[in-house]
C-alpha atoms as a PDB file:
ATOM      1  CA  UNK A   1       0.000   0.000   0.000  1.00  0.00           C
ATOM      2  CA  UNK A   2       1.295   3.455  -0.895  1.00  0.00           C
ATOM      3  CA  UNK A   3       2.143   5.854   1.921  1.00  0.00           C
ATOM      4  CA  UNK A   4       0.280   9.125   1.398  1.00  0.00           C
ATOM      5  CA  UNK A   5       1.279  11.594   4.124  1.00  0.00           C
ATOM      6  CA  UNK A   6       1.873  14.820   2.198  1.00  0.00           C
ATOM      7  CA  UNK A   7       5.480  14.082   1.231  1.00  0.00           C
ATOM      8  CA  UNK A   8       6.616  12.931  -2.188  1.00  0.00           C
ATOM      9  CA  UNK A   9       8.131   9.483  -2.539  1.00  0.00           C
ATOM     10  CA  UNK A  10      11.528  11.080  -3.175  1.00  0.00           C
ATOM     11  CA  UNK A  11      11.223  13.274  -0.079  1.00  0.00           C
ATOM     12  CA  UNK A  12      10.209  10.346   2.112  1.00  0.00           C
ATOM     13  CA  UNK A  13      13.203   8.380   0.814  1.00  0.00           C
ATOM     14  CA  UNK A  14      15.580  11.277   1.559  1.00  0.00           C
ATOM     15  CA  UNK A  15      14.194  11.638   5.087  1.00  0.00           C
ATOM     16  CA  UNK A  16      14.383   7.874   5.678  1.00  0.00           C
ATOM     17  CA  UNK A  17      17.994   7.887   4.481  1.00  0.00           C
ATOM     18  CA  UNK A  18      18.929  10.538   7.049  1.00  0.00           C
ATOM     19  CA  UNK A  19      16.992   8.748   9.770  1.00  0.00           C
ATOM     20  CA  UNK A  20      18.880   5.539   8.904  1.00  0.00           C
ATOM     21  CA  UNK A  21      22.121   7.365   9.746  1.00  0.00           C
ATOM     22  CA  UNK A  22      20.630   8.476  13.057  1.00  0.00           C
ATOM     23  CA  UNK A  23      19.491   4.913  13.739  1.00  0.00           C
ATOM     24  CA  UNK A  24      23.016   3.664  13.065  1.00  0.00           C
ATOM     25  CA  UNK A  25      24.494   6.251  15.441  1.00  0.00           C
ATOM     26  CA  UNK A  26      21.979   5.323  18.119  1.00  0.00           C
ATOM     27  CA  UNK A  27      22.747   1.628  17.796  1.00  0.00           C
ATOM     28  CA  UNK A  28      26.505   2.140  17.945  1.00  0.00           C
ATOM     29  CA  UNK A  29      26.135   4.420  20.985  1.00  0.00           C
ATOM     30  CA  UNK A  30      23.833   1.855  22.615  1.00  0.00           C
ATOM     31  CA  UNK A  31      26.463  -0.854  22.068  1.00  0.00           C
ATOM     32  CA  UNK A  32      29.227   1.340  23.486  1.00  0.00           C
ATOM     33  CA  UNK A  33      27.090   2.210  26.512  1.00  0.00           C
ATOM     34  CA  UNK A  34      26.268  -1.467  27.060  1.00  0.00           C
ATOM     35  CA  UNK A  35      30.005  -2.206  26.853  1.00  0.00           C
ATOM     36  CA  UNK A  36      30.682   0.438  29.504  1.00  0.00           C
ATOM     37  CA  UNK A  37      27.991  -1.141  31.698  1.00  0.00           C
ATOM     38  CA  UNK A  38      29.521  -4.603  31.334  1.00  0.00           C
ATOM     39  CA  UNK A  39      33.179  -3.662  31.639  1.00  0.00           C
ATOM     40  CA  UNK A  40      33.406  -0.728  34.040  1.00  0.00           C
ATOM     41  CA  UNK A  41      36.005  -1.201  36.755  1.00  0.00           C
ATOM     42  CA  UNK A  42      37.203   0.840  39.668  1.00  0.00           C
ATOM     43  CA  UNK A  43      36.162   2.196  43.010  1.00  0.00           C
ATOM     44  CA  UNK A  44      32.979   3.659  41.514  1.00  0.00           C
ATOM     45  CA  UNK A  45      32.039   0.380  39.805  1.00  0.00           C
ATOM     46  CA  UNK A  46      28.537  -0.092  41.202  1.00  0.00           C
ATOM     47  CA  UNK A  47      27.349   3.485  40.699  1.00  0.00           C
ATOM     48  CA  UNK A  48      28.706   3.663  37.151  1.00  0.00           C
ATOM     49  CA  UNK A  49      27.394   0.171  36.355  1.00  0.00           C
ATOM     50  CA  UNK A  50      23.865   1.283  37.319  1.00  0.00           C
ATOM     51  CA  UNK A  51      24.275   4.683  35.627  1.00  0.00           C
ATOM     52  CA  UNK A  52      25.288   3.109  32.308  1.00  0.00           C
ATOM     53  CA  UNK A  53      22.348   0.714  32.615  1.00  0.00           C
ATOM     54  CA  UNK A  54      19.922   3.634  32.840  1.00  0.00           C
ATOM     55  CA  UNK A  55      21.538   5.223  29.812  1.00  0.00           C
ATOM     56  CA  UNK A  56      21.428   2.140  27.599  1.00  0.00           C
ATOM     57  CA  UNK A  57      17.781   1.585  28.520  1.00  0.00           C
ATOM     58  CA  UNK A  58      17.011   5.130  27.334  1.00  0.00           C
ATOM     59  CA  UNK A  59      18.934   4.496  24.128  1.00  0.00           C
ATOM     60  CA  UNK A  60      17.029   1.266  23.529  1.00  0.00           C
ATOM     61  CA  UNK A  61      13.800   3.277  23.485  1.00  0.00           C
ATOM     62  CA  UNK A  62      15.339   5.868  21.136  1.00  0.00           C
ATOM     63  CA  UNK A  63      16.440   3.095  18.769  1.00  0.00           C
ATOM     64  CA  UNK A  64      12.982   1.565  18.683  1.00  0.00           C
ATOM     65  CA  UNK A  65      11.299   4.926  18.125  1.00  0.00           C
ATOM     66  CA  UNK A  66      13.736   5.853  15.351  1.00  0.00           C
ATOM     67  CA  UNK A  67      13.145   2.583  13.510  1.00  0.00           C
ATOM     68  CA  UNK A  68       9.404   3.061  13.917  1.00  0.00           C
ATOM     69  CA  UNK A  69       9.631   6.617  12.538  1.00  0.00           C
ATOM     70  CA  UNK A  70      11.328   5.214   9.434  1.00  0.00           C
ATOM     71  CA  UNK A  71       8.479   2.697   9.108  1.00  0.00           C
ATOM     72  CA  UNK A  72       5.885   5.439   9.711  1.00  0.00           C
ATOM     73  CA  UNK A  73       7.070   7.337   6.648  1.00  0.00           C
ATOM     74  CA  UNK A  74       6.874   4.207   4.527  1.00  0.00           C
ATOM     75  CA  UNK A  75      10.364   2.721   4.507  1.00  0.00           C
ATOM     76  CA  UNK A  76      12.106  -0.216   6.127  1.00  0.00           C
ATOM     77  CA  UNK A  77      14.529   0.280   8.979  1.00  0.00           C
ATOM     78  CA  UNK A  78      17.932  -1.332   8.592  1.00  0.00           C
ATOM     79  CA  UNK A  79      18.858  -3.883  11.175  1.00  0.00           C
ATOM     80  CA  UNK A  80      22.284  -5.296  10.384  1.00  0.00           C
ATOM     81  CA  UNK A  81      25.449  -4.466  12.260  1.00  0.00           C
ATOM     82  CA  UNK A  82      27.270  -4.145   8.940  1.00  0.00           C
ATOM     83  CA  UNK A  83      24.858  -1.486   7.698  1.00  0.00           C
ATOM     84  CA  UNK A  84      25.008   0.376  11.012  1.00  0.00           C
ATOM     85  CA  UNK A  85      28.816   0.488  10.869  1.00  0.00           C
ATOM     86  CA  UNK A  86      28.678   1.743   7.274  1.00  0.00           C
ATOM     87  CA  UNK A  87      26.225   4.546   8.134  1.00  0.00           C
ATOM     88  CA  UNK A  88      27.355   5.711  11.570  1.00  0.00           C
ATOM     89  CA  UNK A  89      29.212   8.936  12.244  1.00  0.00           C
ATOM     90  CA  UNK A  90      30.671   7.395  15.404  1.00  0.00           C
ATOM     91  CA  UNK A  91      33.697   5.183  15.832  1.00  0.00           C
ATOM     92  CA  UNK A  92      34.100   1.982  17.746  1.00  0.00           C
ATOM     93  CA  UNK A  93      36.128   2.377  20.889  1.00  0.00           C
ATOM     94  CA  UNK A  94      39.414   0.863  21.862  1.00  0.00           C
ATOM     95  CA  UNK A  95      40.801   1.445  25.307  1.00  0.00           C
ATOM     96  CA  UNK A  96      43.513   0.319  27.654  1.00  0.00           C
ATOM     97  CA  UNK A  97      41.563   0.912  30.884  1.00  0.00           C
ATOM     98  CA  UNK A  98      37.908   0.365  31.670  1.00  0.00           C
ATOM     99  CA  UNK A  99      37.554   3.291  34.046  1.00  0.00           C
ATOM    100  CA  UNK A 100      34.584   5.583  34.516  1.00  0.00           C
ATOM    101  CA  UNK A 101      36.313   8.733  33.300  1.00  0.00           C
ATOM    102  CA  UNK A 102      37.378   7.136  30.025  1.00  0.00           C
ATOM    103  CA  UNK A 103      33.987   5.652  29.288  1.00  0.00           C
ATOM    104  CA  UNK A 104      32.190   8.868  30.216  1.00  0.00           C
ATOM    105  CA  UNK A 105      34.398  11.097  28.068  1.00  0.00           C
ATOM    106  CA  UNK A 106      33.957   8.880  25.041  1.00  0.00           C
ATOM    107  CA  UNK A 107      30.203   8.477  25.482  1.00  0.00           C
ATOM    108  CA  UNK A 108      29.821  12.220  26.050  1.00  0.00           C
ATOM    109  CA  UNK A 109      31.638  12.925  22.799  1.00  0.00           C
ATOM    110  CA  UNK A 110      29.297  10.561  20.967  1.00  0.00           C
ATOM    111  CA  UNK A 111      26.187  12.161  22.459  1.00  0.00           C
ATOM    112  CA  UNK A 112      27.471  15.574  21.423  1.00  0.00           C
ATOM    113  CA  UNK A 113      28.092  14.291  17.878  1.00  0.00           C
ATOM    114  CA  UNK A 114      24.524  13.013  17.698  1.00  0.00           C
ATOM    115  CA  UNK A 115      23.190  16.331  19.030  1.00  0.00           C
ATOM    116  CA  UNK A 116      25.020  18.191  16.266  1.00  0.00           C
ATOM    117  CA  UNK A 117      23.745  15.713  13.656  1.00  0.00           C
ATOM    118  CA  UNK A 118      20.189  16.170  14.949  1.00  0.00           C
ATOM    119  CA  UNK A 119      20.461  19.969  14.716  1.00  0.00           C
ATOM    120  CA  UNK A 120      21.722  19.707  11.143  1.00  0.00           C
ATOM    121  CA  UNK A 121      18.969  17.215  10.265  1.00  0.00           C
ATOM    122  CA  UNK A 122      16.265  19.453  11.710  1.00  0.00           C
ATOM    123  CA  UNK A 123      17.495  22.308   9.526  1.00  0.00           C
ATOM    124  CA  UNK A 124      17.641  20.018   6.474  1.00  0.00           C
ATOM    125  CA  UNK A 125      14.166  18.525   7.064  1.00  0.00           C
ATOM    126  CA  UNK A 126      12.743  22.018   7.564  1.00  0.00           C
ATOM    127  CA  UNK A 127      14.245  23.692   4.498  1.00  0.00           C
ATOM    128  CA  UNK A 128      14.021  20.818   2.045  1.00  0.00           C
ATOM    129  CA  UNK A 129      10.874  18.902   2.969  1.00  0.00           C
ATOM    130  CA  UNK A 130       8.742  20.787   5.518  1.00  0.00           C
ATOM    131  CA  UNK A 131       8.405  17.396   7.253  1.00  0.00           C
ATOM    132  CA  UNK A 132       7.158  18.730  10.573  1.00  0.00           C
ATOM    133  CA  UNK A 133       6.484  15.280  12.015  1.00  0.00           C
ATOM    134  CA  UNK A 134      10.099  14.234  11.554  1.00  0.00           C
ATOM    135  CA  UNK A 135      11.334  17.658  12.685  1.00  0.00           C
ATOM    136  CA  UNK A 136       9.378  17.247  15.921  1.00  0.00           C
ATOM    137  CA  UNK A 137      10.587  13.660  16.305  1.00  0.00           C
ATOM    138  CA  UNK A 138      14.269  14.544  15.811  1.00  0.00           C
ATOM    139  CA  UNK A 139      13.912  17.554  18.132  1.00  0.00           C
ATOM    140  CA  UNK A 140      12.749  15.154  20.859  1.00  0.00           C
ATOM    141  CA  UNK A 141      15.684  12.830  20.176  1.00  0.00           C
ATOM    142  CA  UNK A 142      18.059  15.793  20.368  1.00  0.00           C
ATOM    143  CA  UNK A 143      16.597  16.863  23.709  1.00  0.00           C
ATOM    144  CA  UNK A 144      17.024  13.327  25.058  1.00  0.00           C
ATOM    145  CA  UNK A 145      20.690  13.366  24.062  1.00  0.00           C
ATOM    146  CA  UNK A 146      21.183  16.835  25.526  1.00  0.00           C
ATOM    147  CA  UNK A 147      19.924  15.587  28.888  1.00  0.00           C
ATOM    148  CA  UNK A 148      21.969  12.389  28.713  1.00  0.00           C
ATOM    149  CA  UNK A 149      25.059  14.451  27.835  1.00  0.00           C
ATOM    150  CA  UNK A 150      24.400  16.730  30.796  1.00  0.00           C
ATOM    151  CA  UNK A 151      24.300  13.706  33.105  1.00  0.00           C
ATOM    152  CA  UNK A 152      27.585  12.415  31.643  1.00  0.00           C
ATOM    153  CA  UNK A 153      29.206  15.856  31.789  1.00  0.00           C
ATOM    154  CA  UNK A 154      28.223  16.197  35.455  1.00  0.00           C
ATOM    155  CA  UNK A 155      30.344  13.143  36.291  1.00  0.00           C
ATOM    156  CA  UNK A 156      33.438  14.931  34.960  1.00  0.00           C
ATOM    157  CA  UNK A 157      33.248  17.939  37.340  1.00  0.00           C
END
């Protein structure tokens, strides 16, 4: 069945393509946060272990909502690790120590990268497509990352 929501097929494809990049970033960040949860060591182990758990649970919801937004506009959401690694703006981590400061700095950097990508996407969706549903959706995602980044940043003070 054809999706008729006030956007051309080409516009919906362009929006879905950008959302696929966001989905890839979210999945990579989720995986890195889960890794921090599993592998954190140090005197603050328990607190950081629980903190990272809260963060990856939030990211799990963001991932699901992003995939569902792609479906809402009439496209299929990617689901392979290979495609996520091809589309993501983030990098996989490699570290010598599994300490809280290292994990937090890296995760914070990734959240900030996603925030910047969201801001750019909002501008793009507004100017090119007037896709207010996706603009609103991505604005909410950006706000979630801003709050998560604030929580991470607060651990570095």
